[in-house]
Amino acid sequence: MRFGSGKKDVDPKERAIWGDLMALGMVFPIAIALGFFLGRWVGGLLGHPRIGMGVGLVWGAATGFWELYKVTVRLNRMDGDGKGGDGGGSGGGDGPG
């Protein structure tokens, strides 16, 4: 999978992979910032804005890592579609012979 291969016909799966990876670069900061400000707002309503900011930051970071997990699982499924797995187990190495 090369980024600038110069081909006009790019596999849609490859475009989906690059789209997922580029979306992660936006999801992390947006989730953290949204969690921070939303937590500060809710904490202010309840009278504890600092606690709300902390909870919001943790929630935003957890959301970002959850999205990273989902993308990783999706990419592993796409990678596994083209390969014939042996069904798990310890069946030798990748070397010849």
PDB file of N, CA and C in Angstrom:
ATOM      1  N   MET A   1       0.852  -1.165   0.000  1.00  0.00           N
ATOM      2  CA  MET A   1       0.000   0.000   0.000  1.00  0.00           C
ATOM      3  C   MET A   1       0.899   1.229   0.000  1.00  0.00           C
ATOM      4  N   ARG A   2       1.015   1.831  -1.156  1.00  0.00           N
ATOM      5  CA  ARG A   2       1.815   3.047  -1.267  1.00  0.00           C
ATOM      6  C   ARG A   2       0.881   4.233  -1.410  1.00  0.00           C
ATOM      7  N   PHE A   3       1.283   5.355  -0.831  1.00  0.00           N
ATOM      8  CA  PHE A   3       0.407   6.526  -0.845  1.00  0.00           C
ATOM      9  C   PHE A   3       0.364   7.162  -2.217  1.00  0.00           C
ATOM     10  N   GLY A   4       1.499   7.469  -2.805  1.00  0.00           N
ATOM     11  CA  GLY A   4       1.529   8.156  -4.098  1.00  0.00           C
ATOM     12  C   GLY A   4       1.911   7.217  -5.212  1.00  0.00           C
ATOM     13  N   SER A   5       1.104   6.210  -5.473  1.00  0.00           N
ATOM     14  CA  SER A   5       1.455   5.211  -6.476  1.00  0.00           C
ATOM     15  C   SER A   5       1.303   5.753  -7.890  1.00  0.00           C
ATOM     16  N   GLY A   6       0.546   6.822  -8.093  1.00  0.00           N
ATOM     17  CA  GLY A   6       0.383   7.411  -9.410  1.00  0.00           C
ATOM     18  C   GLY A   6      -0.689   6.741 -10.244  1.00  0.00           C
ATOM     19  N   LYS A   7      -1.337   5.711  -9.726  1.00  0.00           N
ATOM     20  CA  LYS A   7      -2.390   5.044 -10.482  1.00  0.00           C
ATOM     21  C   LYS A   7      -3.681   5.857 -10.383  1.00  0.00           C
ATOM     22  N   LYS A   8      -4.434   5.832 -11.458  1.00  0.00           N
ATOM     23  CA  LYS A   8      -5.738   6.495 -11.444  1.00  0.00           C
ATOM     24  C   LYS A   8      -6.791   5.598 -10.799  1.00  0.00           C
ATOM     25  N   ASP A   9      -6.663   4.287 -11.006  1.00  0.00           N
ATOM     26  CA  ASP A   9      -7.605   3.346 -10.407  1.00  0.00           C
ATOM     27  C   ASP A   9      -7.075   2.901  -9.056  1.00  0.00           C
ATOM     28  N   VAL A  10      -7.604   3.507  -8.011  1.00  0.00           N
ATOM     29  CA  VAL A  10      -7.190   3.148  -6.662  1.00  0.00           C
ATOM     30  C   VAL A  10      -8.276   2.267  -6.073  1.00  0.00           C
ATOM     31  N   ASP A  11      -7.841   1.213  -5.417  1.00  0.00           N
ATOM     32  CA  ASP A  11      -8.764   0.275  -4.791  1.00  0.00           C
ATOM     33  C   ASP A  11      -9.615   1.000  -3.742  1.00  0.00           C
ATOM     34  N   PRO A  12     -10.941   0.824  -3.768  1.00  0.00           N
ATOM     35  CA  PRO A  12     -11.787   1.474  -2.761  1.00  0.00           C
ATOM     36  C   PRO A  12     -11.437   1.078  -1.330  1.00  0.00           C
ATOM     37  N   LYS A  13     -10.950  -0.158  -1.132  1.00  0.00           N
ATOM     38  CA  LYS A  13     -10.547  -0.570   0.209  1.00  0.00           C
ATOM     39  C   LYS A  13      -9.353   0.251   0.681  1.00  0.00           C
ATOM     40  N   GLU A  14      -8.436   0.533  -0.247  1.00  0.00           N
ATOM     41  CA  GLU A  14      -7.279   1.340   0.125  1.00  0.00           C
ATOM     42  C   GLU A  14      -7.694   2.757   0.492  1.00  0.00           C
ATOM     43  N   ARG A  15      -8.649   3.299  -0.240  1.00  0.00           N
ATOM     44  CA  ARG A  15      -9.169   4.632   0.108  1.00  0.00           C
ATOM     45  C   ARG A  15      -9.848   4.619   1.467  1.00  0.00           C
ATOM     46  N   ALA A  16     -10.559   3.551   1.766  1.00  0.00           N
ATOM     47  CA  ALA A  16     -11.223   3.441   3.067  1.00  0.00           C
ATOM     48  C   ALA A  16     -10.195   3.375   4.197  1.00  0.00           C
ATOM     49  N   ILE A  17      -9.097   2.660   3.954  1.00  0.00           N
ATOM     50  CA  ILE A  17      -8.044   2.573   4.962  1.00  0.00           C
ATOM     51  C   ILE A  17      -7.470   3.954   5.231  1.00  0.00           C
ATOM     52  N   TRP A  18      -7.128   4.680   4.167  1.00  0.00           N
ATOM     53  CA  TRP A  18      -6.555   6.014   4.353  1.00  0.00           C
ATOM     54  C   TRP A  18      -7.564   6.961   4.992  1.00  0.00           C
ATOM     55  N   GLY A  19      -8.837   6.820   4.657  1.00  0.00           N
ATOM     56  CA  GLY A  19      -9.854   7.656   5.284  1.00  0.00           C
ATOM     57  C   GLY A  19      -9.972   7.402   6.775  1.00  0.00           C
ATOM     58  N   ASP A  20      -9.935   6.129   7.160  1.00  0.00           N
ATOM     59  CA  ASP A  20      -9.986   5.789   8.581  1.00  0.00           C
ATOM     60  C   ASP A  20      -8.788   6.351   9.326  1.00  0.00           C
ATOM     61  N   LEU A  21      -7.605   6.202   8.738  1.00  0.00           N
ATOM     62  CA  LEU A  21      -6.396   6.671   9.406  1.00  0.00           C
ATOM     63  C   LEU A  21      -6.364   8.193   9.530  1.00  0.00           C
ATOM     64  N   MET A  22      -6.810   8.888   8.486  1.00  0.00           N
ATOM     65  CA  MET A  22      -6.817  10.356   8.566  1.00  0.00           C
ATOM     66  C   MET A  22      -7.889  10.864   9.521  1.00  0.00           C
ATOM     67  N   ALA A  23      -8.995  10.139   9.624  1.00  0.00           N
ATOM     68  CA  ALA A  23     -10.049  10.542  10.561  1.00  0.00           C
ATOM     69  C   ALA A  23      -9.574  10.452  11.999  1.00  0.00           C
ATOM     70  N   LEU A  24      -8.688   9.500  12.286  1.00  0.00           N
ATOM     71  CA  LEU A  24      -8.174   9.376  13.654  1.00  0.00           C
ATOM     72  C   LEU A  24      -7.436  10.637  14.075  1.00  0.00           C
ATOM     73  N   GLY A  25      -6.761  11.289  13.142  1.00  0.00           N
ATOM     74  CA  GLY A  25      -6.042  12.517  13.459  1.00  0.00           C
ATOM     75  C   GLY A  25      -6.961  13.645  13.877  1.00  0.00           C
ATOM     76  N   MET A  26      -8.220  13.576  13.480  1.00  0.00           N
ATOM     77  CA  MET A  26      -9.179  14.606  13.871  1.00  0.00           C
ATOM     78  C   MET A  26     -10.009  14.178  15.075  1.00  0.00           C
ATOM     79  N   VAL A  27     -10.251  12.883  15.212  1.00  0.00           N
ATOM     80  CA  VAL A  27     -11.117  12.397  16.283  1.00  0.00           C
ATOM     81  C   VAL A  27     -10.499  12.648  17.650  1.00  0.00           C
ATOM     82  N   PHE A  28      -9.195  12.378  17.797  1.00  0.00           N
ATOM     83  CA  PHE A  28      -8.556  12.538  19.104  1.00  0.00           C
ATOM     84  C   PHE A  28      -8.684  13.960  19.644  1.00  0.00           C
ATOM     85  N   PRO A  29      -8.214  14.989  18.932  1.00  0.00           N
ATOM     86  CA  PRO A  29      -8.308  16.335  19.517  1.00  0.00           C
ATOM     87  C   PRO A  29      -9.745  16.828  19.690  1.00  0.00           C
ATOM     88  N   ILE A  30     -10.625  16.472  18.757  1.00  0.00           N
ATOM     89  CA  ILE A  30     -12.013  16.915  18.876  1.00  0.00           C
ATOM     90  C   ILE A  30     -12.687  16.258  20.075  1.00  0.00           C
ATOM     91  N   ALA A  31     -12.463  14.955  20.267  1.00  0.00           N
ATOM     92  CA  ALA A  31     -13.084  14.255  21.399  1.00  0.00           C
ATOM     93  C   ALA A  31     -12.573  14.795  22.721  1.00  0.00           C
ATOM     94  N   ILE A  32     -11.268  15.058  22.808  1.00  0.00           N
ATOM     95  CA  ILE A  32     -10.704  15.557  24.055  1.00  0.00           C
ATOM     96  C   ILE A  32     -11.196  16.971  24.347  1.00  0.00           C
ATOM     97  N   ALA A  33     -11.192  17.841  23.327  1.00  0.00           N
ATOM     98  CA  ALA A  33     -11.653  19.216  23.531  1.00  0.00           C
ATOM     99  C   ALA A  33     -13.144  19.248  23.866  1.00  0.00           C
ATOM    100  N   LEU A  34     -13.931  18.463  23.167  1.00  0.00           N
ATOM    101  CA  LEU A  34     -15.368  18.425  23.440  1.00  0.00           C
ATOM    102  C   LEU A  34     -15.645  17.907  24.847  1.00  0.00           C
ATOM    103  N   GLY A  35     -14.932  16.857  25.241  1.00  0.00           N
ATOM    104  CA  GLY A  35     -15.099  16.331  26.596  1.00  0.00           C
ATOM    105  C   GLY A  35     -14.708  17.356  27.647  1.00  0.00           C
ATOM    106  N   PHE A  36     -13.610  18.074  27.412  1.00  0.00           N
ATOM    107  CA  PHE A  36     -13.147  19.097  28.355  1.00  0.00           C
ATOM    108  C   PHE A  36     -14.194  20.189  28.549  1.00  0.00           C
ATOM    109  N   PHE A  37     -14.648  20.778  27.436  1.00  0.00           N
ATOM    110  CA  PHE A  37     -15.584  21.897  27.542  1.00  0.00           C
ATOM    111  C   PHE A  37     -16.970  21.462  28.006  1.00  0.00           C
ATOM    112  N   LEU A  38     -17.400  20.298  27.560  1.00  0.00           N
ATOM    113  CA  LEU A  38     -18.692  19.796  28.019  1.00  0.00           C
ATOM    114  C   LEU A  38     -18.641  19.468  29.508  1.00  0.00           C
ATOM    115  N   GLY A  39     -17.526  18.881  29.946  1.00  0.00           N
ATOM    116  CA  GLY A  39     -17.359  18.589  31.370  1.00  0.00           C
ATOM    117  C   GLY A  39     -17.295  19.851  32.210  1.00  0.00           C
ATOM    118  N   ARG A  40     -16.618  20.876  31.695  1.00  0.00           N
ATOM    119  CA  ARG A  40     -16.553  22.146  32.431  1.00  0.00           C
ATOM    120  C   ARG A  40     -17.936  22.775  32.542  1.00  0.00           C
ATOM    121  N   TRP A  41     -18.713  22.697  31.472  1.00  0.00           N
ATOM    122  CA  TRP A  41     -20.047  23.279  31.480  1.00  0.00           C
ATOM    123  C   TRP A  41     -20.961  22.536  32.468  1.00  0.00           C
ATOM    124  N   VAL A  42     -20.955  21.200  32.388  1.00  0.00           N
ATOM    125  CA  VAL A  42     -21.797  20.413  33.291  1.00  0.00           C
ATOM    126  C   VAL A  42     -21.322  20.578  34.731  1.00  0.00           C
ATOM    127  N   GLY A  43     -20.001  20.586  34.935  1.00  0.00           N
ATOM    128  CA  GLY A  43     -19.470  20.790  36.274  1.00  0.00           C
ATOM    129  C   GLY A  43     -19.835  22.157  36.830  1.00  0.00           C
ATOM    130  N   GLY A  44     -19.871  23.177  35.960  1.00  0.00           N
ATOM    131  CA  GLY A  44     -20.278  24.508  36.396  1.00  0.00           C
ATOM    132  C   GLY A  44     -21.737  24.538  36.812  1.00  0.00           C
ATOM    133  N   LEU A  45     -22.560  23.795  36.099  1.00  0.00           N
ATOM    134  CA  LEU A  45     -23.975  23.720  36.475  1.00  0.00           C
ATOM    135  C   LEU A  45     -24.156  23.047  37.830  1.00  0.00           C
ATOM    136  N   LEU A  46     -23.291  22.069  38.114  1.00  0.00           N
ATOM    137  CA  LEU A  46     -23.392  21.335  39.372  1.00  0.00           C
ATOM    138  C   LEU A  46     -22.567  21.970  40.493  1.00  0.00           C
ATOM    139  N   GLY A  47     -21.804  23.026  40.159  1.00  0.00           N
ATOM    140  CA  GLY A  47     -21.028  23.726  41.170  1.00  0.00           C
ATOM    141  C   GLY A  47     -19.603  23.229  41.348  1.00  0.00           C
ATOM    142  N   HIS A  48     -19.137  22.342  40.463  1.00  0.00           N
ATOM    143  CA  HIS A  48     -17.774  21.806  40.556  1.00  0.00           C
ATOM    144  C   HIS A  48     -17.139  21.773  39.166  1.00  0.00           C
ATOM    145  N   PRO A  49     -16.754  22.936  38.620  1.00  0.00           N
ATOM    146  CA  PRO A  49     -16.228  22.938  37.244  1.00  0.00           C
ATOM    147  C   PRO A  49     -14.902  22.197  37.082  1.00  0.00           C
ATOM    148  N   ARG A  50     -14.043  22.206  38.106  1.00  0.00           N
ATOM    149  CA  ARG A  50     -12.756  21.501  37.977  1.00  0.00           C
ATOM    150  C   ARG A  50     -12.946  19.991  37.907  1.00  0.00           C
ATOM    151  N   ILE A  51     -13.841  19.474  38.705  1.00  0.00           N
ATOM    152  CA  ILE A  51     -14.123  18.037  38.652  1.00  0.00           C
ATOM    153  C   ILE A  51     -14.742  17.691  37.302  1.00  0.00           C
ATOM    154  N   GLY A  52     -15.615  18.548  36.832  1.00  0.00           N
ATOM    155  CA  GLY A  52     -16.230  18.330  35.519  1.00  0.00           C
ATOM    156  C   GLY A  52     -15.204  18.334  34.400  1.00  0.00           C
ATOM    157  N   MET A  53     -14.202  19.242  34.482  1.00  0.00           N
ATOM    158  CA  MET A  53     -13.154  19.264  33.461  1.00  0.00           C
ATOM    159  C   MET A  53     -12.359  17.967  33.473  1.00  0.00           C
ATOM    160  N   GLY A  54     -12.027  17.488  34.661  1.00  0.00           N
ATOM    161  CA  GLY A  54     -11.266  16.240  34.751  1.00  0.00           C
ATOM    162  C   GLY A  54     -12.029  15.054  34.206  1.00  0.00           C
ATOM    163  N   VAL A  55     -13.286  14.964  34.587  1.00  0.00           N
ATOM    164  CA  VAL A  55     -14.121  13.866  34.093  1.00  0.00           C
ATOM    165  C   VAL A  55     -14.291  13.979  32.583  1.00  0.00           C
ATOM    166  N   GLY A  56     -14.486  15.196  32.098  1.00  0.00           N
ATOM    167  CA  GLY A  56     -14.638  15.401  30.660  1.00  0.00           C
ATOM    168  C   GLY A  56     -13.383  15.053  29.885  1.00  0.00           C
ATOM    169  N   LEU A  57     -12.219  15.393  30.425  1.00  0.00           N
ATOM    170  CA  LEU A  57     -10.957  15.029  29.770  1.00  0.00           C
ATOM    171  C   LEU A  57     -10.794  13.516  29.691  1.00  0.00           C
ATOM    172  N   VAL A  58     -11.075  12.833  30.780  1.00  0.00           N
ATOM    173  CA  VAL A  58     -10.955  11.375  30.785  1.00  0.00           C
ATOM    174  C   VAL A  58     -11.947  10.759  29.804  1.00  0.00           C
ATOM    175  N   TRP A  59     -13.164  11.281  29.792  1.00  0.00           N
ATOM    176  CA  TRP A  59     -14.182  10.777  28.882  1.00  0.00           C
ATOM    177  C   TRP A  59     -13.770  11.018  27.427  1.00  0.00           C
ATOM    178  N   GLY A  60     -13.240  12.200  27.124  1.00  0.00           N
ATOM    179  CA  GLY A  60     -12.801  12.500  25.764  1.00  0.00           C
ATOM    180  C   GLY A  60     -11.648  11.619  25.322  1.00  0.00           C
ATOM    181  N   ALA A  61     -10.677  11.400  26.208  1.00  0.00           N
ATOM    182  CA  ALA A  61      -9.552  10.535  25.867  1.00  0.00           C
ATOM    183  C   ALA A  61     -10.023   9.096  25.672  1.00  0.00           C
ATOM    184  N   ALA A  62     -10.922   8.640  26.523  1.00  0.00           N
ATOM    185  CA  ALA A  62     -11.457   7.279  26.375  1.00  0.00           C
ATOM    186  C   ALA A  62     -12.207   7.134  25.054  1.00  0.00           C
ATOM    187  N   THR A  63     -12.934   8.167  24.671  1.00  0.00           N
ATOM    188  CA  THR A  63     -13.649   8.139  23.396  1.00  0.00           C
ATOM    189  C   THR A  63     -12.674   8.061  22.229  1.00  0.00           C
ATOM    190  N   GLY A  64     -11.581   8.822  22.294  1.00  0.00           N
ATOM    191  CA  GLY A  64     -10.565   8.771  21.247  1.00  0.00           C
ATOM    192  C   GLY A  64      -9.925   7.403  21.140  1.00  0.00           C
ATOM    193  N   PHE A  65      -9.593   6.804  22.282  1.00  0.00           N
ATOM    194  CA  PHE A  65      -8.993   5.476  22.248  1.00  0.00           C
ATOM    195  C   PHE A  65      -9.992   4.415  21.813  1.00  0.00           C
ATOM    196  N   TRP A  66     -11.271   4.591  22.119  1.00  0.00           N
ATOM    197  CA  TRP A  66     -12.291   3.657  21.655  1.00  0.00           C
ATOM    198  C   TRP A  66     -12.374   3.700  20.130  1.00  0.00           C
ATOM    199  N   GLU A  67     -12.309   4.892  19.564  1.00  0.00           N
ATOM    200  CA  GLU A  67     -12.326   5.019  18.109  1.00  0.00           C
ATOM    201  C   GLU A  67     -11.080   4.379  17.495  1.00  0.00           C
ATOM    202  N   LEU A  68      -9.933   4.541  18.139  1.00  0.00           N
ATOM    203  CA  LEU A  68      -8.706   3.891  17.675  1.00  0.00           C
ATOM    204  C   LEU A  68      -8.871   2.374  17.691  1.00  0.00           C
ATOM    205  N   TYR A  69      -9.472   1.835  18.734  1.00  0.00           N
ATOM    206  CA  TYR A  69      -9.726   0.395  18.818  1.00  0.00           C
ATOM    207  C   TYR A  69     -10.642  -0.061  17.687  1.00  0.00           C
ATOM    208  N   LYS A  70     -11.723   0.680  17.438  1.00  0.00           N
ATOM    209  CA  LYS A  70     -12.653   0.289  16.386  1.00  0.00           C
ATOM    210  C   LYS A  70     -11.992   0.297  15.013  1.00  0.00           C
ATOM    211  N   VAL A  71     -11.167   1.309  14.746  1.00  0.00           N
ATOM    212  CA  VAL A  71     -10.475   1.377  13.462  1.00  0.00           C
ATOM    213  C   VAL A  71      -9.483   0.227  13.343  1.00  0.00           C
ATOM    214  N   THR A  72      -8.785  -0.098  14.424  1.00  0.00           N
ATOM    215  CA  THR A  72      -7.825  -1.200  14.401  1.00  0.00           C
ATOM    216  C   THR A  72      -8.525  -2.523  14.109  1.00  0.00           C
ATOM    217  N   VAL A  73      -9.662  -2.768  14.739  1.00  0.00           N
ATOM    218  CA  VAL A  73     -10.413  -3.992  14.492  1.00  0.00           C
ATOM    219  C   VAL A  73     -10.891  -4.026  13.040  1.00  0.00           C
ATOM    220  N   ARG A  74     -11.380  -2.896  12.538  1.00  0.00           N
ATOM    221  CA  ARG A  74     -11.855  -2.836  11.156  1.00  0.00           C
ATOM    222  C   ARG A  74     -10.718  -3.103  10.171  1.00  0.00           C
ATOM    223  N   LEU A  75      -9.528  -2.540  10.429  1.00  0.00           N
ATOM    224  CA  LEU A  75      -8.392  -2.765   9.548  1.00  0.00           C
ATOM    225  C   LEU A  75      -7.917  -4.216   9.619  1.00  0.00           C
ATOM    226  N   ASN A  76      -7.959  -4.818  10.795  1.00  0.00           N
ATOM    227  CA  ASN A  76      -7.583  -6.231  10.909  1.00  0.00           C
ATOM    228  C   ASN A  76      -8.551  -7.124  10.148  1.00  0.00           C
ATOM    229  N   ARG A  77      -9.827  -6.793  10.176  1.00  0.00           N
ATOM    230  CA  ARG A  77     -10.805  -7.572   9.404  1.00  0.00           C
ATOM    231  C   ARG A  77     -10.546  -7.442   7.918  1.00  0.00           C
ATOM    232  N   MET A  78     -10.259  -6.215   7.468  1.00  0.00           N
ATOM    233  CA  MET A  78      -9.983  -6.006   6.046  1.00  0.00           C
ATOM    234  C   MET A  78      -8.710  -6.729   5.639  1.00  0.00           C
ATOM    235  N   ASP A  79      -7.715  -6.752   6.499  1.00  0.00           N
ATOM    236  CA  ASP A  79      -6.461  -7.434   6.218  1.00  0.00           C
ATOM    237  C   ASP A  79      -6.662  -8.941   6.206  1.00  0.00           C
ATOM    238  N   GLY A  80      -7.524  -9.431   7.070  1.00  0.00           N
ATOM    239  CA  GLY A  80      -7.766 -10.861   7.162  1.00  0.00           C
ATOM    240  C   GLY A  80      -8.631 -11.403   6.037  1.00  0.00           C
ATOM    241  N   ASP A  81      -9.371 -10.531   5.330  1.00  0.00           N
ATOM    242  CA  ASP A  81     -10.239 -10.992   4.243  1.00  0.00           C
ATOM    243  C   ASP A  81      -9.437 -11.588   3.099  1.00  0.00           C
ATOM    244  N   GLY A  82      -8.287 -11.023   2.806  1.00  0.00           N
ATOM    245  CA  GLY A  82      -7.502 -11.491   1.675  1.00  0.00           C
ATOM    246  C   GLY A  82      -6.597 -12.652   2.008  1.00  0.00           C
ATOM    247  N   LYS A  83      -6.445 -12.987   3.252  1.00  0.00           N
ATOM    248  CA  LYS A  83      -5.518 -14.040   3.653  1.00  0.00           C
ATOM    249  C   LYS A  83      -6.285 -15.243   4.182  1.00  0.00           C
ATOM    250  N   GLY A  84      -5.789 -16.410   3.893  1.00  0.00           N
ATOM    251  CA  GLY A  84      -6.395 -17.621   4.424  1.00  0.00           C
ATOM    252  C   GLY A  84      -5.759 -17.982   5.746  1.00  0.00           C
ATOM    253  N   GLY A  85      -6.437 -17.747   6.826  1.00  0.00           N
ATOM    254  CA  GLY A  85      -5.892 -18.035   8.148  1.00  0.00           C
ATOM    255  C   GLY A  85      -5.906 -19.529   8.410  1.00  0.00           C
ATOM    256  N   ASP A  86      -5.068 -19.957   9.351  1.00  0.00           N
ATOM    257  CA  ASP A  86      -5.011 -21.369   9.685  1.00  0.00           C
ATOM    258  C   ASP A  86      -5.934 -21.704  10.859  1.00  0.00           C
ATOM    259  N   GLY A  87      -6.723 -20.757  11.300  1.00  0.00           N
ATOM    260  CA  GLY A  87      -7.681 -21.017  12.368  1.00  0.00           C
ATOM    261  C   GLY A  87      -7.081 -20.947  13.746  1.00  0.00           C
ATOM    262  N   GLY A  88      -5.924 -20.290  13.878  1.00  0.00           N
ATOM    263  CA  GLY A  88      -5.302 -20.190  15.183  1.00  0.00           C
ATOM    264  C   GLY A  88      -4.519 -21.449  15.490  1.00  0.00           C
ATOM    265  N   GLY A  89      -3.684 -21.396  16.448  1.00  0.00           N
ATOM    266  CA  GLY A  89      -2.863 -22.555  16.763  1.00  0.00           C
ATOM    267  C   GLY A  89      -1.424 -22.295  16.372  1.00  0.00           C
ATOM    268  N   SER A  90      -0.542 -23.155  16.814  1.00  0.00           N
ATOM    269  CA  SER A  90       0.871 -22.941  16.553  1.00  0.00           C
ATOM    270  C   SER A  90       1.335 -23.876  15.451  1.00  0.00           C
ATOM    271  N   GLY A  91       1.152 -23.454  14.247  1.00  0.00           N
ATOM    272  CA  GLY A  91       1.488 -24.302  13.116  1.00  0.00           C
ATOM    273  C   GLY A  91       2.722 -23.847  12.394  1.00  0.00           C
ATOM    274  N   GLY A  92       3.883 -23.890  13.026  1.00  0.00           N
ATOM    275  CA  GLY A  92       5.136 -23.597  12.349  1.00  0.00           C
ATOM    276  C   GLY A  92       5.361 -22.122  12.140  1.00  0.00           C
ATOM    277  N   GLY A  93       6.367 -21.823  11.338  1.00  0.00           N
ATOM    278  CA  GLY A  93       6.734 -20.437  11.092  1.00  0.00           C
ATOM    279  C   GLY A  93       6.423 -20.016   9.685  1.00  0.00           C
ATOM    280  N   ASP A  94       6.928 -18.845   9.306  1.00  0.00           N
ATOM    281  CA  ASP A  94       6.683 -18.309   7.980  1.00  0.00           C
ATOM    282  C   ASP A  94       7.812 -18.652   7.012  1.00  0.00           C
ATOM    283  N   GLY A  95       8.805 -19.349   7.462  1.00  0.00           N
ATOM    284  CA  GLY A  95       9.966 -19.657   6.635  1.00  0.00           C
ATOM    285  C   GLY A  95       9.653 -20.746   5.622  1.00  0.00           C
ATOM    286  N   PRO A  96      10.569 -20.949   4.666  1.00  0.00           N
ATOM    287  CA  PRO A  96      10.360 -21.991   3.665  1.00  0.00           C
ATOM    288  C   PRO A  96      10.540 -23.373   4.270  1.00  0.00           C
ATOM    289  N   GLY A  97       9.865 -24.312   3.677  1.00  0.00           N
ATOM    290  CA  GLY A  97      10.106 -25.675   4.095  1.00  0.00           C
ATOM    291  C   GLY A  97       9.089 -26.221   4.919  1.00  0.00           C
TER     292      GLY A  97
END
